[in-house]
């Protein structure tokens, strides 16, 4: 089931999205504040998209589309368990032409609303590099609060940097 925000549509991702995902994951500017992992071929990305289990309670992966239908990023709610009602959120916009125009904020709100309403989550968590001010601004804007600090867990340009752990309860979404 797709989810709609004011500016974005969240929809399931599939093999047809492999080229975009591969391109974003190999763009240093897009991946600047993320754990990159190891380089993969387009074929490996397509295989992962093809073989991953379909969206279900424990792991929901959405492509973020702008009104014209262009795939501009992804958002994922994962690690959810019915016993705890908590999921982790990952998000990024891979198409840099759409940065700073409200799409990420709308995608965050839409994904969180989906998590709280459709998945019946009680809490959504994420981690963010403390120097990633653009992301932190968005997270705070939609209601996430810092709950802790993970010291020196992210390596960037030869330096170890801290991350915030952040959380959003169902009634806190703005």
C-alpha atoms as a PDB file:
ATOM      1  CA  UNK A   1       0.000   0.000   0.000  1.00  0.00           C
ATOM      2  CA  UNK A   2       1.385   3.381  -0.975  1.00  0.00           C
ATOM      3  CA  UNK A   3       1.504   6.274   1.474  1.00  0.00           C
ATOM      4  CA  UNK A   4       0.968   9.868   0.419  1.00  0.00           C
ATOM      5  CA  UNK A   5       2.308  13.056   1.912  1.00  0.00           C
ATOM      6  CA  UNK A   6       1.860  16.636   0.793  1.00  0.00           C
ATOM      7  CA  UNK A   7       4.794  16.458  -1.648  1.00  0.00           C
ATOM      8  CA  UNK A   8       5.734  12.790  -1.882  1.00  0.00           C
ATOM      9  CA  UNK A   9       4.406   9.334  -2.529  1.00  0.00           C
ATOM     10  CA  UNK A  10       6.018   6.414  -0.728  1.00  0.00           C
ATOM     11  CA  UNK A  11       5.830   3.184  -2.719  1.00  0.00           C
ATOM     12  CA  UNK A  12       7.393  -0.260  -2.620  1.00  0.00           C
ATOM     13  CA  UNK A  13      10.805  -0.568  -4.266  1.00  0.00           C
ATOM     14  CA  UNK A  14      11.707  -3.255  -6.778  1.00  0.00           C
ATOM     15  CA  UNK A  15      14.334  -4.401  -9.260  1.00  0.00           C
ATOM     16  CA  UNK A  16      13.494  -1.513 -11.602  1.00  0.00           C
ATOM     17  CA  UNK A  17      14.915   0.831  -8.925  1.00  0.00           C
ATOM     18  CA  UNK A  18      18.330  -0.860  -8.823  1.00  0.00           C
ATOM     19  CA  UNK A  19      20.115   1.650 -11.076  1.00  0.00           C
ATOM     20  CA  UNK A  20      19.015   4.632  -8.977  1.00  0.00           C
ATOM     21  CA  UNK A  21      19.900   2.908  -5.703  1.00  0.00           C
ATOM     22  CA  UNK A  22      23.286   1.842  -7.084  1.00  0.00           C
ATOM     23  CA  UNK A  23      24.017   5.377  -8.339  1.00  0.00           C
ATOM     24  CA  UNK A  24      23.089   6.991  -5.023  1.00  0.00           C
ATOM     25  CA  UNK A  25      25.161   4.481  -3.046  1.00  0.00           C
ATOM     26  CA  UNK A  26      28.207   5.360  -5.170  1.00  0.00           C
ATOM     27  CA  UNK A  27      27.831   9.136  -4.830  1.00  0.00           C
ATOM     28  CA  UNK A  28      30.210  10.428  -2.149  1.00  0.00           C
ATOM     29  CA  UNK A  29      28.093  13.516  -1.481  1.00  0.00           C
ATOM     30  CA  UNK A  30      24.905  11.483  -0.985  1.00  0.00           C
ATOM     31  CA  UNK A  31      26.678   8.953   1.247  1.00  0.00           C
ATOM     32  CA  UNK A  32      28.662  11.549   3.212  1.00  0.00           C
ATOM     33  CA  UNK A  33      26.969  10.904   6.573  1.00  0.00           C
ATOM     34  CA  UNK A  34      25.994   7.245   6.098  1.00  0.00           C
ATOM     35  CA  UNK A  35      27.654   3.931   6.736  1.00  0.00           C
ATOM     36  CA  UNK A  36      28.527   2.982   3.182  1.00  0.00           C
ATOM     37  CA  UNK A  37      29.457  -0.666   3.410  1.00  0.00           C
ATOM     38  CA  UNK A  38      31.292  -2.097   0.434  1.00  0.00           C
ATOM     39  CA  UNK A  39      30.878  -1.242  -3.235  1.00  0.00           C
ATOM     40  CA  UNK A  40      28.372  -3.393  -5.107  1.00  0.00           C
ATOM     41  CA  UNK A  41      27.545  -3.888  -8.760  1.00  0.00           C
ATOM     42  CA  UNK A  42      24.175  -2.920 -10.186  1.00  0.00           C
ATOM     43  CA  UNK A  43      23.521  -6.662 -10.484  1.00  0.00           C
ATOM     44  CA  UNK A  44      24.110  -7.178  -6.759  1.00  0.00           C
ATOM     45  CA  UNK A  45      21.759  -4.307  -5.895  1.00  0.00           C
ATOM     46  CA  UNK A  46      19.108  -5.700  -8.265  1.00  0.00           C
ATOM     47  CA  UNK A  47      19.516  -9.154  -6.719  1.00  0.00           C
ATOM     48  CA  UNK A  48      19.093  -7.713  -3.214  1.00  0.00           C
ATOM     49  CA  UNK A  49      15.919  -5.865  -4.274  1.00  0.00           C
ATOM     50  CA  UNK A  50      14.591  -8.985  -6.006  1.00  0.00           C
ATOM     51  CA  UNK A  51      15.362 -11.439  -3.210  1.00  0.00           C
ATOM     52  CA  UNK A  52      14.489  -9.372  -0.150  1.00  0.00           C
ATOM     53  CA  UNK A  53      11.241 -10.409   1.442  1.00  0.00           C
ATOM     54  CA  UNK A  54       8.316  -8.203   0.496  1.00  0.00           C
ATOM     55  CA  UNK A  55       7.288  -5.365   2.754  1.00  0.00           C
ATOM     56  CA  UNK A  56       5.901  -6.722   6.015  1.00  0.00           C
ATOM     57  CA  UNK A  57       5.561  -5.574   9.597  1.00  0.00           C
ATOM     58  CA  UNK A  58       9.215  -6.071  10.532  1.00  0.00           C
ATOM     59  CA  UNK A  59      10.755  -4.373   7.483  1.00  0.00           C
ATOM     60  CA  UNK A  60       9.138  -1.825   5.162  1.00  0.00           C
ATOM     61  CA  UNK A  61      11.190  -0.262   2.356  1.00  0.00           C
ATOM     62  CA  UNK A  62       9.659   2.612   0.408  1.00  0.00           C
ATOM     63  CA  UNK A  63      10.907   4.564  -2.558  1.00  0.00           C
ATOM     64  CA  UNK A  64      10.246   8.289  -2.252  1.00  0.00           C
ATOM     65  CA  UNK A  65       8.691   9.793  -5.382  1.00  0.00           C
ATOM     66  CA  UNK A  66       8.097  13.461  -6.114  1.00  0.00           C
ATOM     67  CA  UNK A  67       4.788  14.547  -7.747  1.00  0.00           C
ATOM     68  CA  UNK A  68       6.130  13.985 -11.286  1.00  0.00           C
ATOM     69  CA  UNK A  69       6.873  10.333 -10.477  1.00  0.00           C
ATOM     70  CA  UNK A  70      10.669  10.638 -10.223  1.00  0.00           C
ATOM     71  CA  UNK A  71      12.248   8.355  -7.619  1.00  0.00           C
ATOM     72  CA  UNK A  72      14.307  10.687  -5.412  1.00  0.00           C
ATOM     73  CA  UNK A  73      15.198   8.607  -2.358  1.00  0.00           C
ATOM     74  CA  UNK A  74      14.202   5.897   0.042  1.00  0.00           C
ATOM     75  CA  UNK A  75      12.909   5.446   3.556  1.00  0.00           C
ATOM     76  CA  UNK A  76      12.888   2.240   5.577  1.00  0.00           C
ATOM     77  CA  UNK A  77      11.232   1.198   8.828  1.00  0.00           C
ATOM     78  CA  UNK A  78      12.920  -1.968  10.056  1.00  0.00           C
ATOM     79  CA  UNK A  79      13.554  -4.079  13.123  1.00  0.00           C
ATOM     80  CA  UNK A  80       9.934  -3.753  14.245  1.00  0.00           C
ATOM     81  CA  UNK A  81       8.575  -6.366  16.602  1.00  0.00           C
ATOM     82  CA  UNK A  82       4.952  -6.527  17.744  1.00  0.00           C
ATOM     83  CA  UNK A  83       6.052  -7.126  21.328  1.00  0.00           C
ATOM     84  CA  UNK A  84       7.827  -3.770  21.560  1.00  0.00           C
ATOM     85  CA  UNK A  85       6.125  -1.670  18.880  1.00  0.00           C
ATOM     86  CA  UNK A  86       9.441   0.008  18.050  1.00  0.00           C
ATOM     87  CA  UNK A  87      11.105   0.337  14.629  1.00  0.00           C
ATOM     88  CA  UNK A  88      14.301   1.928  13.350  1.00  0.00           C
ATOM     89  CA  UNK A  89      14.078   4.468  10.531  1.00  0.00           C
ATOM     90  CA  UNK A  90      16.596   5.094   7.738  1.00  0.00           C
ATOM     91  CA  UNK A  91      16.081   7.770   5.092  1.00  0.00           C
ATOM     92  CA  UNK A  92      17.967   9.601   2.404  1.00  0.00           C
ATOM     93  CA  UNK A  93      17.359  11.556  -0.754  1.00  0.00           C
ATOM     94  CA  UNK A  94      19.675  10.401  -3.501  1.00  0.00           C
ATOM     95  CA  UNK A  95      18.648  12.983  -6.098  1.00  0.00           C
ATOM     96  CA  UNK A  96      20.510  16.122  -5.035  1.00  0.00           C
ATOM     97  CA  UNK A  97      18.307  18.431  -7.150  1.00  0.00           C
ATOM     98  CA  UNK A  98      15.567  17.768  -4.574  1.00  0.00           C
ATOM     99  CA  UNK A  99      17.612  18.611  -1.473  1.00  0.00           C
ATOM    100  CA  UNK A 100      16.481  21.569   0.617  1.00  0.00           C
ATOM    101  CA  UNK A 101      12.977  21.732  -0.881  1.00  0.00           C
ATOM    102  CA  UNK A 102      10.932  20.027   1.848  1.00  0.00           C
ATOM    103  CA  UNK A 103      10.787  16.561   0.289  1.00  0.00           C
ATOM    104  CA  UNK A 104      12.788  14.877   3.069  1.00  0.00           C
ATOM    105  CA  UNK A 105      10.659  16.491   5.779  1.00  0.00           C
ATOM    106  CA  UNK A 106       7.459  15.382   4.052  1.00  0.00           C
ATOM    107  CA  UNK A 107       8.852  11.866   3.518  1.00  0.00           C
ATOM    108  CA  UNK A 108       9.807  11.664   7.219  1.00  0.00           C
ATOM    109  CA  UNK A 109       6.334  12.733   8.344  1.00  0.00           C
ATOM    110  CA  UNK A 110       4.660  10.373   5.892  1.00  0.00           C
ATOM    111  CA  UNK A 111       6.819   7.390   6.907  1.00  0.00           C
ATOM    112  CA  UNK A 112       6.312   8.081  10.619  1.00  0.00           C
ATOM    113  CA  UNK A 113       2.556   8.497  10.172  1.00  0.00           C
ATOM    114  CA  UNK A 114       2.544   5.171   8.274  1.00  0.00           C
ATOM    115  CA  UNK A 115       4.495   3.550  11.110  1.00  0.00           C
ATOM    116  CA  UNK A 116       2.182   4.826  13.815  1.00  0.00           C
ATOM    117  CA  UNK A 117      -1.120   4.354  11.988  1.00  0.00           C
ATOM    118  CA  UNK A 118      -0.617   1.292   9.759  1.00  0.00           C
ATOM    119  CA  UNK A 119       2.045  -0.619  11.681  1.00  0.00           C
ATOM    120  CA  UNK A 120       0.683   0.455  15.081  1.00  0.00           C
ATOM    121  CA  UNK A 121       4.146   1.358  16.319  1.00  0.00           C
ATOM    122  CA  UNK A 122       4.473   3.244  19.579  1.00  0.00           C
ATOM    123  CA  UNK A 123       7.992   4.541  18.909  1.00  0.00           C
ATOM    124  CA  UNK A 124      10.356   5.141  15.984  1.00  0.00           C
ATOM    125  CA  UNK A 125      14.100   5.483  16.520  1.00  0.00           C
ATOM    126  CA  UNK A 126      17.078   6.520  14.406  1.00  0.00           C
ATOM    127  CA  UNK A 127      20.723   7.474  14.689  1.00  0.00           C
ATOM    128  CA  UNK A 128      22.279  10.569  13.168  1.00  0.00           C
ATOM    129  CA  UNK A 129      25.852  11.814  12.936  1.00  0.00           C
ATOM    130  CA  UNK A 130      26.115  14.831  15.277  1.00  0.00           C
ATOM    131  CA  UNK A 131      27.672  16.943  12.501  1.00  0.00           C
ATOM    132  CA  UNK A 132      24.866  16.233  10.001  1.00  0.00           C
ATOM    133  CA  UNK A 133      23.033  19.456  10.770  1.00  0.00           C
ATOM    134  CA  UNK A 134      20.647  19.255   7.801  1.00  0.00           C
ATOM    135  CA  UNK A 135      19.317  15.856   8.884  1.00  0.00           C
ATOM    136  CA  UNK A 136      19.157  16.822  12.553  1.00  0.00           C
ATOM    137  CA  UNK A 137      17.115  19.892  11.623  1.00  0.00           C
ATOM    138  CA  UNK A 138      14.569  17.726   9.798  1.00  0.00           C
ATOM    139  CA  UNK A 139      14.403  15.109  12.555  1.00  0.00           C
ATOM    140  CA  UNK A 140      13.810  17.732  15.246  1.00  0.00           C
ATOM    141  CA  UNK A 141      11.282  19.531  13.052  1.00  0.00           C
ATOM    142  CA  UNK A 142       9.055  16.424  12.872  1.00  0.00           C
ATOM    143  CA  UNK A 143       9.402  15.792  16.621  1.00  0.00           C
ATOM    144  CA  UNK A 144      12.388  13.497  17.188  1.00  0.00           C
ATOM    145  CA  UNK A 145      14.362  14.175  20.382  1.00  0.00           C
ATOM    146  CA  UNK A 146      17.884  13.172  21.323  1.00  0.00           C
ATOM    147  CA  UNK A 147      17.879  10.250  23.726  1.00  0.00           C
ATOM    148  CA  UNK A 148      21.580   9.508  23.885  1.00  0.00           C
ATOM    149  CA  UNK A 149      24.972   9.876  22.313  1.00  0.00           C
ATOM    150  CA  UNK A 150      27.060   7.082  20.821  1.00  0.00           C
ATOM    151  CA  UNK A 151      30.676   8.141  21.095  1.00  0.00           C
ATOM    152  CA  UNK A 152      33.087   7.794  18.162  1.00  0.00           C
ATOM    153  CA  UNK A 153      31.079   5.289  16.126  1.00  0.00           C
ATOM    154  CA  UNK A 154      31.219   6.907  12.670  1.00  0.00           C
ATOM    155  CA  UNK A 155      34.388   7.415  10.670  1.00  0.00           C
ATOM    156  CA  UNK A 156      34.453  10.468   8.421  1.00  0.00           C
ATOM    157  CA  UNK A 157      37.518  11.842   6.648  1.00  0.00           C
ATOM    158  CA  UNK A 158      39.853  10.016   9.016  1.00  0.00           C
ATOM    159  CA  UNK A 159      38.124  11.176  12.197  1.00  0.00           C
ATOM    160  CA  UNK A 160      35.809   9.310  14.547  1.00  0.00           C
ATOM    161  CA  UNK A 161      32.547  11.172  15.129  1.00  0.00           C
ATOM    162  CA  UNK A 162      29.671  10.689  17.561  1.00  0.00           C
ATOM    163  CA  UNK A 163      26.086   9.883  16.664  1.00  0.00           C
ATOM    164  CA  UNK A 164      22.874  10.849  18.430  1.00  0.00           C
ATOM    165  CA  UNK A 165      20.236   8.254  19.111  1.00  0.00           C
ATOM    166  CA  UNK A 166      16.859   9.885  18.615  1.00  0.00           C
ATOM    167  CA  UNK A 167      13.302   8.794  19.272  1.00  0.00           C
ATOM    168  CA  UNK A 168       9.774   9.800  18.391  1.00  0.00           C
ATOM    169  CA  UNK A 169       6.707   8.585  20.279  1.00  0.00           C
ATOM    170  CA  UNK A 170       3.359   8.246  18.510  1.00  0.00           C
ATOM    171  CA  UNK A 171       1.874  11.392  20.051  1.00  0.00           C
ATOM    172  CA  UNK A 172       4.904  13.555  19.291  1.00  0.00           C
ATOM    173  CA  UNK A 173       4.769  13.645  15.482  1.00  0.00           C
ATOM    174  CA  UNK A 174       4.575  17.236  14.211  1.00  0.00           C
END
